[in-house]
Amino acid sequence: QVQLVESGGGLVQVGESLRLSCAASGSISSPNSMGWYRQAPGRQRELVALIVSGGNKNYADSVKGRFTISRDYVKNTVDLQMDSLKPEDTAEYYCYYKLVFGTRAYWGQGTQVTVSS
């Protein structure tokens, strides 16, 4: 079992920044991928950013150049720095963990990000 605890969501104005953090605990193994998904009301959950053991990063096109994902492999944390936030970034953000060769994905409880215009 893997537990994921997120922090850092909130309400900001357009153009401002937020930083999300996620700490993983439990049966952490490698190689794995950790990252962030988001889900807005009435929409499907979508990938925001993902980082794999070894450092490969993937970003949704809508956040490239504005969001930066980073990991601390010692602390088993993953952060998402979100700059130049837009109203369309408003969503519940979920931390994600999965072994690269595993079948089960783990999710955090979610943290709300609201960008007000």
Protein backbone atom coordinates (compact mmCIF):
# COMPACT_ATOMS: atom_id res chain seq x y z
CA GLN A 1 0.00 0.00 0.00
CA VAL A 2 1.06 3.55 -0.76
CA GLN A 3 -0.38 6.63 0.91
CA LEU A 4 -0.28 10.04 -0.74
CA VAL A 5 -0.89 13.28 1.13
CA GLU A 6 -1.25 16.53 -0.78
CA SER A 7 -0.99 20.11 0.36
CA GLY A 8 -0.81 23.59 -1.10
CA GLY A 9 -4.08 24.24 -2.88
CA GLY A 10 -6.08 27.41 -2.48
CA LEU A 11 -7.68 30.45 -4.07
CA VAL A 12 -5.54 32.80 -6.16
CA GLN A 13 -5.98 35.54 -8.73
CA VAL A 14 -5.21 35.22 -12.42
CA GLY A 15 -1.48 35.37 -13.04
CA GLU A 16 -0.50 34.36 -9.53
CA SER A 17 1.36 31.24 -8.44
CA LEU A 18 0.76 28.22 -6.25
CA ARG A 19 2.92 25.30 -5.25
CA LEU A 20 1.42 21.86 -4.62
CA SER A 21 3.27 19.21 -2.65
CA CYS A 22 2.65 15.51 -2.26
CA ALA A 23 4.34 13.13 0.15
CA ALA A 24 4.30 9.40 -0.47
CA SER A 25 4.68 6.78 2.24
CA GLY A 26 4.31 3.05 2.58
CA SER A 27 5.55 0.46 0.09
CA ILE A 28 7.54 2.74 -2.19
CA SER A 29 9.54 0.90 -4.87
CA SER A 30 11.35 1.75 -8.09
CA PRO A 31 11.11 2.44 -10.90
CA ASN A 32 7.96 4.45 -10.43
CA SER A 33 6.15 7.49 -11.73
CA MET A 34 4.70 10.27 -9.64
CA GLY A 35 2.80 13.28 -10.72
CA TRP A 36 -0.38 15.27 -10.83
CA TYR A 37 -3.76 14.94 -12.48
CA ARG A 38 -6.68 17.33 -12.26
CA GLN A 39 -10.42 17.19 -12.64
CA ALA A 40 -12.70 20.14 -13.21
CA PRO A 41 -16.47 19.89 -12.60
CA GLY A 42 -18.17 18.02 -15.42
CA ARG A 43 -14.88 17.01 -17.02
CA GLN A 44 -12.74 13.90 -17.05
CA ARG A 45 -9.60 13.62 -14.95
CA GLU A 46 -6.61 14.66 -17.03
CA LEU A 47 -2.86 14.46 -16.75
CA VAL A 48 -1.13 17.67 -15.69
CA ALA A 49 2.48 16.57 -15.20
CA LEU A 50 4.32 13.34 -14.58
CA ILE A 51 7.92 12.51 -13.64
CA VAL A 52 9.41 9.05 -13.84
CA SER A 53 12.32 7.59 -11.86
CA GLY A 54 15.36 8.76 -13.78
CA GLY A 55 13.92 12.19 -14.40
CA ASN A 56 11.80 12.02 -17.57
CA LYS A 57 9.00 14.57 -17.37
CA ASN A 58 5.72 14.85 -19.25
CA TYR A 59 3.44 17.88 -19.25
CA ALA A 60 0.01 18.55 -20.63
CA ASP A 61 0.23 20.98 -23.54
CA SER A 62 -2.01 23.41 -21.65
CA VAL A 63 0.52 23.84 -18.82
CA LYS A 64 3.85 23.69 -20.66
CA GLY A 65 5.97 26.71 -19.87
CA ARG A 66 3.86 27.60 -16.82
CA PHE A 67 4.04 24.54 -14.55
CA THR A 68 7.15 22.76 -13.30
CA ILE A 69 7.21 19.34 -11.68
CA SER A 70 10.02 18.22 -9.40
CA ARG A 71 10.78 15.26 -7.15
CA ASP A 72 12.80 14.53 -4.06
CA TYR A 73 13.70 10.85 -4.27
CA VAL A 74 14.99 10.73 -0.71
CA LYS A 75 11.87 12.22 0.85
CA ASN A 76 9.52 10.58 -1.70
CA THR A 77 7.82 13.85 -2.50
CA VAL A 78 6.65 15.44 -5.72
CA ASP A 79 5.95 19.15 -6.11
CA LEU A 80 4.13 21.11 -8.77
CA GLN A 81 5.06 24.78 -9.16
CA MET A 82 2.21 26.52 -10.96
CA ASP A 83 2.90 29.97 -12.35
CA SER A 84 0.83 32.34 -14.48
CA LEU A 85 -2.34 30.62 -13.36
CA LYS A 86 -5.45 30.93 -15.49
CA PRO A 87 -9.15 30.44 -14.66
CA GLU A 88 -9.10 27.25 -16.73
CA ASP A 89 -6.58 25.78 -14.27
CA THR A 90 -9.34 25.68 -11.66
CA ALA A 91 -9.82 22.06 -10.65
CA GLU A 92 -9.29 19.44 -7.99
CA TYR A 93 -5.67 18.34 -8.24
CA TYR A 94 -4.73 14.76 -7.40
CA CYS A 95 -1.34 13.32 -6.64
CA TYR A 96 -0.55 10.08 -8.47
CA TYR A 97 1.86 7.21 -7.94
CA LYS A 98 2.38 4.02 -9.89
CA LEU A 99 5.13 1.49 -10.29
CA VAL A 100 6.35 1.57 -13.89
CA PHE A 101 5.82 -2.18 -14.22
CA GLY A 102 2.85 -2.34 -11.89
CA THR A 103 -0.87 -2.31 -12.61
CA ARG A 104 -2.27 -0.34 -9.70
CA ALA A 105 -2.32 3.43 -9.48
CA TYR A 106 -2.54 5.24 -6.16
CA TRP A 107 -4.24 8.60 -5.70
CA GLY A 108 -4.20 11.29 -3.09
CA GLN A 109 -7.37 12.74 -1.62
CA GLY A 110 -7.21 15.82 -3.83
CA THR A 111 -6.57 19.50 -3.22
CA GLN A 112 -8.66 22.29 -4.70
CA VAL A 113 -7.10 25.00 -6.83
CA THR A 114 -9.31 27.94 -7.73
CA VAL A 115 -8.12 30.75 -9.99
CA SER A 116 -10.32 33.80 -9.85
CA SER A 117 -10.54 36.44 -12.55
